[in-house]
Amino acid sequence: MDQKSACAALSHFEKWLREETLRAQEQFACASLLSDSYRGEWLFALLVTLEKPLDADSYASMRSLLRMLLVAWKASESNAAEEDVSASAVLSVFISILGKYFGQVES
C-alpha cells in the first residue's frame, strides 16, 4: 500500500470508528471494536505502513483517533473489570504509537 492510500485508509477508519462509537452511545465502544476483532491488528498494520512526515489531514485523523482512544481508555480504567484489562492494554498500545511515535501527545 502506498503512502497516499494508507493516509486515505486512516482517514476512513477514523470516521468509521467515530460513527460506530456514536452509534453505540458508550465511551468504551471503540475499545471493544479494536480488541474484539481483527480491526486492532488492521489498524496496527496500517500505522506501520505510514511514513513520517504525513500531511495535515492525516495528522488531524490521528489526533481525532487519539482523542477517542483516550476517552475509551479512561472509561476502561475507571471500570476495572478483568475483561476490560485486555481492551485497556490494546488502547494503551495505540495511544503510545499515536502519541509518541507520531507526535500527537496531548498537552
N, C-alpha and C. Protein backbone atom coordinates (compact mmCIF):
# COMPACT_ATOMS: atom_id res chain seq x y z
N MET A 1 0.86 -1.17 0.00
CA MET A 1 0.00 0.00 0.00
C MET A 1 0.91 1.23 0.00
N ASP A 2 0.63 2.15 -0.90
CA ASP A 2 1.44 3.36 -0.96
C ASP A 2 0.99 4.36 0.12
N GLN A 3 1.78 5.39 0.31
CA GLN A 3 1.54 6.37 1.38
C GLN A 3 0.17 7.06 1.22
N LYS A 4 -0.16 7.45 0.02
CA LYS A 4 -1.42 8.15 -0.21
C LYS A 4 -2.61 7.27 0.13
N SER A 5 -2.57 6.01 -0.26
CA SER A 5 -3.65 5.06 0.04
C SER A 5 -3.74 4.79 1.54
N ALA A 6 -2.59 4.68 2.19
CA ALA A 6 -2.57 4.44 3.64
C ALA A 6 -3.17 5.63 4.39
N CYS A 7 -2.86 6.84 3.96
CA CYS A 7 -3.42 8.04 4.60
C CYS A 7 -4.93 8.11 4.40
N ALA A 8 -5.39 7.75 3.20
CA ALA A 8 -6.83 7.73 2.92
C ALA A 8 -7.53 6.67 3.77
N ALA A 9 -6.90 5.51 3.91
CA ALA A 9 -7.47 4.44 4.73
C ALA A 9 -7.55 4.86 6.20
N LEU A 10 -6.53 5.56 6.68
CA LEU A 10 -6.54 6.05 8.06
C LEU A 10 -7.69 7.02 8.28
N SER A 11 -7.88 7.93 7.36
CA SER A 11 -8.98 8.89 7.47
C SER A 11 -10.33 8.18 7.46
N HIS A 12 -10.48 7.21 6.58
CA HIS A 12 -11.73 6.45 6.50
C HIS A 12 -11.97 5.67 7.79
N PHE A 13 -10.93 5.04 8.32
CA PHE A 13 -11.06 4.26 9.55
C PHE A 13 -11.45 5.16 10.72
N GLU A 14 -10.83 6.31 10.82
CA GLU A 14 -11.15 7.24 11.91
C GLU A 14 -12.62 7.66 11.85
N LYS A 15 -13.10 7.99 10.67
CA LYS A 15 -14.52 8.37 10.52
C LYS A 15 -15.44 7.21 10.86
N TRP A 16 -15.09 6.01 10.40
CA TRP A 16 -15.91 4.84 10.69
C TRP A 16 -15.96 4.57 12.20
N LEU A 17 -14.81 4.62 12.87
CA LEU A 17 -14.76 4.36 14.30
C LEU A 17 -15.55 5.41 15.08
N ARG A 18 -15.45 6.66 14.67
CA ARG A 18 -16.22 7.73 15.33
C ARG A 18 -17.72 7.47 15.18
N GLU A 19 -18.16 7.10 13.98
CA GLU A 19 -19.58 6.84 13.75
C GLU A 19 -20.06 5.63 14.55
N GLU A 20 -19.26 4.57 14.58
CA GLU A 20 -19.64 3.37 15.34
C GLU A 20 -19.69 3.65 16.84
N THR A 21 -18.77 4.45 17.33
CA THR A 21 -18.76 4.81 18.75
C THR A 21 -19.99 5.64 19.09
N LEU A 22 -20.34 6.59 18.23
CA LEU A 22 -21.54 7.40 18.46
C LEU A 22 -22.80 6.55 18.38
N ARG A 23 -22.83 5.62 17.44
CA ARG A 23 -23.99 4.74 17.29
C ARG A 23 -24.19 3.88 18.53
N ALA A 24 -23.10 3.41 19.11
CA ALA A 24 -23.19 2.57 20.31
C ALA A 24 -23.53 3.40 21.54
N GLN A 25 -23.29 4.69 21.50
CA GLN A 25 -23.57 5.63 22.59
C GLN A 25 -22.92 5.24 23.91
N GLU A 26 -21.71 4.75 23.81
CA GLU A 26 -20.94 4.48 25.02
C GLU A 26 -19.47 4.74 24.74
N GLN A 27 -18.80 5.27 25.74
CA GLN A 27 -17.40 5.68 25.58
C GLN A 27 -16.47 4.51 25.33
N PHE A 28 -16.83 3.35 25.83
CA PHE A 28 -15.94 2.20 25.77
C PHE A 28 -16.09 1.44 24.45
N ALA A 29 -17.01 1.87 23.58
CA ALA A 29 -17.30 1.15 22.35
C ALA A 29 -16.08 1.00 21.46
N CYS A 30 -15.27 2.04 21.31
CA CYS A 30 -14.12 1.91 20.41
C CYS A 30 -13.10 0.91 20.95
N ALA A 31 -13.03 0.74 22.25
CA ALA A 31 -12.11 -0.26 22.81
C ALA A 31 -12.56 -1.66 22.41
N SER A 32 -13.85 -1.93 22.51
CA SER A 32 -14.32 -3.26 22.15
C SER A 32 -14.23 -3.48 20.64
N LEU A 33 -14.41 -2.43 19.85
CA LEU A 33 -14.29 -2.56 18.40
C LEU A 33 -12.85 -2.89 17.99
N LEU A 34 -11.88 -2.43 18.75
CA LEU A 34 -10.49 -2.69 18.41
C LEU A 34 -9.95 -3.98 19.02
N SER A 35 -10.47 -4.38 20.17
CA SER A 35 -9.90 -5.55 20.84
C SER A 35 -10.64 -6.85 20.57
N ASP A 36 -11.90 -6.78 20.13
CA ASP A 36 -12.69 -7.99 19.92
C ASP A 36 -12.68 -8.50 18.49
N SER A 37 -11.83 -7.96 17.65
CA SER A 37 -11.84 -8.35 16.25
C SER A 37 -10.47 -8.13 15.64
N TYR A 38 -10.41 -8.29 14.34
CA TYR A 38 -9.17 -8.06 13.63
C TYR A 38 -8.92 -6.59 13.32
N ARG A 39 -9.83 -5.73 13.73
CA ARG A 39 -9.67 -4.31 13.45
C ARG A 39 -8.43 -3.72 14.11
N GLY A 40 -8.14 -4.16 15.32
CA GLY A 40 -6.95 -3.68 16.01
C GLY A 40 -5.69 -4.09 15.28
N GLU A 41 -5.65 -5.33 14.81
CA GLU A 41 -4.50 -5.79 14.05
C GLU A 41 -4.38 -5.01 12.74
N TRP A 42 -5.52 -4.74 12.11
CA TRP A 42 -5.52 -4.00 10.86
C TRP A 42 -5.01 -2.58 11.08
N LEU A 43 -5.48 -1.93 12.15
CA LEU A 43 -5.03 -0.57 12.44
C LEU A 43 -3.53 -0.56 12.72
N PHE A 44 -3.03 -1.53 13.46
CA PHE A 44 -1.60 -1.61 13.73
C PHE A 44 -0.82 -1.74 12.43
N ALA A 45 -1.26 -2.63 11.55
CA ALA A 45 -0.59 -2.81 10.27
C ALA A 45 -0.63 -1.53 9.44
N LEU A 46 -1.74 -0.83 9.50
CA LEU A 46 -1.85 0.43 8.76
C LEU A 46 -0.87 1.46 9.30
N LEU A 47 -0.78 1.58 10.62
CA LEU A 47 0.14 2.54 11.22
C LEU A 47 1.60 2.22 10.88
N VAL A 48 1.90 0.94 10.77
CA VAL A 48 3.27 0.52 10.43
C VAL A 48 3.63 0.98 9.01
N THR A 49 2.66 1.03 8.12
CA THR A 49 2.95 1.41 6.74
C THR A 49 3.15 2.91 6.55
N LEU A 50 2.69 3.71 7.50
CA LEU A 50 2.79 5.16 7.36
C LEU A 50 4.21 5.65 7.61
N GLU A 51 4.64 6.57 6.79
CA GLU A 51 5.97 7.15 6.93
C GLU A 51 5.84 8.63 7.26
N LYS A 52 6.65 9.08 8.23
CA LYS A 52 6.65 10.49 8.57
C LYS A 52 7.54 11.25 7.60
N PRO A 53 7.27 12.48 7.31
CA PRO A 53 6.14 13.29 7.79
C PRO A 53 4.88 12.99 6.98
N LEU A 54 3.74 13.20 7.63
CA LEU A 54 2.45 12.99 7.00
C LEU A 54 1.83 14.33 6.63
N ASP A 55 0.78 14.27 5.84
CA ASP A 55 0.08 15.51 5.51
C ASP A 55 -0.81 15.94 6.69
N ALA A 56 -1.28 17.16 6.64
CA ALA A 56 -2.06 17.73 7.75
C ALA A 56 -3.34 16.95 8.00
N ASP A 57 -4.00 16.48 6.95
CA ASP A 57 -5.24 15.72 7.12
C ASP A 57 -5.00 14.40 7.86
N SER A 58 -3.89 13.77 7.58
CA SER A 58 -3.57 12.51 8.27
C SER A 58 -3.28 12.75 9.75
N TYR A 59 -2.55 13.83 10.04
CA TYR A 59 -2.31 14.15 11.44
C TYR A 59 -3.61 14.52 12.15
N ALA A 60 -4.53 15.18 11.45
CA ALA A 60 -5.83 15.50 12.05
C ALA A 60 -6.62 14.23 12.34
N SER A 61 -6.57 13.26 11.44
CA SER A 61 -7.25 11.98 11.67
C SER A 61 -6.64 11.26 12.86
N MET A 62 -5.31 11.30 12.95
CA MET A 62 -4.64 10.67 14.09
C MET A 62 -5.02 11.34 15.40
N ARG A 63 -5.08 12.65 15.38
CA ARG A 63 -5.42 13.41 16.59
C ARG A 63 -6.83 13.05 17.06
N SER A 64 -7.77 12.97 16.12
CA SER A 64 -9.15 12.60 16.44
C SER A 64 -9.21 11.17 16.97
N LEU A 65 -8.50 10.27 16.32
CA LEU A 65 -8.44 8.88 16.76
C LEU A 65 -7.85 8.80 18.16
N LEU A 66 -6.79 9.54 18.40
CA LEU A 66 -6.16 9.54 19.73
C LEU A 66 -7.13 10.03 20.79
N ARG A 67 -7.89 11.05 20.51
CA ARG A 67 -8.86 11.55 21.48
C ARG A 67 -9.91 10.49 21.81
N MET A 68 -10.42 9.80 20.79
CA MET A 68 -11.40 8.73 21.04
C MET A 68 -10.79 7.63 21.89
N LEU A 69 -9.57 7.25 21.59
CA LEU A 69 -8.90 6.20 22.35
C LEU A 69 -8.65 6.61 23.79
N LEU A 70 -8.29 7.86 24.01
CA LEU A 70 -8.08 8.34 25.37
C LEU A 70 -9.37 8.33 26.19
N VAL A 71 -10.47 8.71 25.58
CA VAL A 71 -11.77 8.68 26.27
C VAL A 71 -12.11 7.23 26.64
N ALA A 72 -11.93 6.33 25.70
CA ALA A 72 -12.21 4.91 25.96
C ALA A 72 -11.27 4.34 27.02
N TRP A 73 -10.01 4.74 26.97
CA TRP A 73 -9.03 4.25 27.95
C TRP A 73 -9.39 4.71 29.35
N LYS A 74 -9.78 5.98 29.48
CA LYS A 74 -10.18 6.49 30.79
C LYS A 74 -11.42 5.76 31.31
N ALA A 75 -12.36 5.47 30.42
CA ALA A 75 -13.55 4.71 30.82
C ALA A 75 -13.18 3.30 31.24
N SER A 76 -12.23 2.69 30.54
CA SER A 76 -11.83 1.32 30.90
C SER A 76 -11.06 1.29 32.21
N GLU A 77 -10.28 2.32 32.47
CA GLU A 77 -9.53 2.38 33.72
C GLU A 77 -10.46 2.58 34.93
N SER A 78 -11.52 3.34 34.75
CA SER A 78 -12.45 3.56 35.86
C SER A 78 -13.37 2.36 36.05
N ASN A 79 -13.50 1.52 35.04
CA ASN A 79 -14.32 0.32 35.09
C ASN A 79 -13.38 -0.87 35.03
N ALA A 80 -12.64 -1.10 36.10
CA ALA A 80 -11.51 -2.02 36.12
C ALA A 80 -11.89 -3.49 36.22
N ALA A 81 -12.87 -3.94 35.47
CA ALA A 81 -13.22 -5.36 35.44
C ALA A 81 -12.13 -6.12 34.68
N GLU A 82 -12.02 -7.41 34.94
CA GLU A 82 -10.95 -8.20 34.32
C GLU A 82 -11.05 -8.24 32.81
N GLU A 83 -12.26 -8.29 32.25
CA GLU A 83 -12.41 -8.33 30.80
C GLU A 83 -11.98 -7.03 30.15
N ASP A 84 -11.94 -5.94 30.93
CA ASP A 84 -11.54 -4.65 30.40
C ASP A 84 -10.02 -4.49 30.36
N VAL A 85 -9.30 -5.36 31.04
CA VAL A 85 -7.83 -5.26 31.09
C VAL A 85 -7.25 -5.45 29.70
N SER A 86 -7.75 -6.41 28.96
CA SER A 86 -7.28 -6.66 27.60
C SER A 86 -7.55 -5.46 26.70
N ALA A 87 -8.75 -4.92 26.78
CA ALA A 87 -9.11 -3.76 25.97
C ALA A 87 -8.25 -2.56 26.36
N SER A 88 -8.01 -2.40 27.64
CA SER A 88 -7.18 -1.30 28.12
C SER A 88 -5.75 -1.42 27.59
N ALA A 89 -5.24 -2.63 27.53
CA ALA A 89 -3.89 -2.86 27.01
C ALA A 89 -3.82 -2.52 25.52
N VAL A 90 -4.83 -2.93 24.76
CA VAL A 90 -4.89 -2.61 23.34
C VAL A 90 -4.92 -1.10 23.14
N LEU A 91 -5.75 -0.43 23.91
CA LEU A 91 -5.84 1.03 23.81
C LEU A 91 -4.50 1.69 24.14
N SER A 92 -3.84 1.18 25.17
CA SER A 92 -2.55 1.75 25.58
C SER A 92 -1.50 1.66 24.48
N VAL A 93 -1.51 0.56 23.74
CA VAL A 93 -0.55 0.39 22.64
C VAL A 93 -0.80 1.45 21.57
N PHE A 94 -2.06 1.61 21.17
CA PHE A 94 -2.37 2.60 20.13
C PHE A 94 -2.15 4.03 20.61
N ILE A 95 -2.45 4.30 21.86
CA ILE A 95 -2.20 5.63 22.41
C ILE A 95 -0.70 5.94 22.39
N SER A 96 0.10 4.96 22.73
CA SER A 96 1.55 5.15 22.71
C SER A 96 2.07 5.39 21.30
N ILE A 97 1.60 4.60 20.35
CA ILE A 97 2.06 4.76 18.97
C ILE A 97 1.67 6.13 18.43
N LEU A 98 0.39 6.48 18.59
CA LEU A 98 -0.08 7.76 18.05
C LEU A 98 0.53 8.93 18.80
N GLY A 99 0.63 8.81 20.11
CA GLY A 99 1.12 9.92 20.91
C GLY A 99 2.62 10.13 20.82
N LYS A 100 3.37 9.06 20.92
CA LYS A 100 4.82 9.22 20.96
C LYS A 100 5.46 9.17 19.58
N TYR A 101 5.18 8.13 18.81
CA TYR A 101 5.85 8.00 17.52
C TYR A 101 5.39 9.06 16.53
N PHE A 102 4.09 9.28 16.48
CA PHE A 102 3.56 10.25 15.51
C PHE A 102 3.42 11.65 16.11
N GLY A 103 3.85 11.84 17.35
CA GLY A 103 3.91 13.18 17.94
C GLY A 103 2.57 13.83 18.21
N GLN A 104 1.57 13.04 18.56
CA GLN A 104 0.25 13.59 18.82
C GLN A 104 -0.06 13.63 20.32
N VAL A 105 0.95 13.85 21.13
CA VAL A 105 0.81 13.87 22.58
C VAL A 105 -0.11 15.01 22.99
N GLU A 106 -1.05 14.69 23.87
CA GLU A 106 -1.95 15.72 24.42
C GLU A 106 -1.17 16.54 25.43
N SER A 107 -1.28 17.87 25.32
CA SER A 107 -0.57 18.70 26.30
C SER A 107 -1.51 19.33 27.28
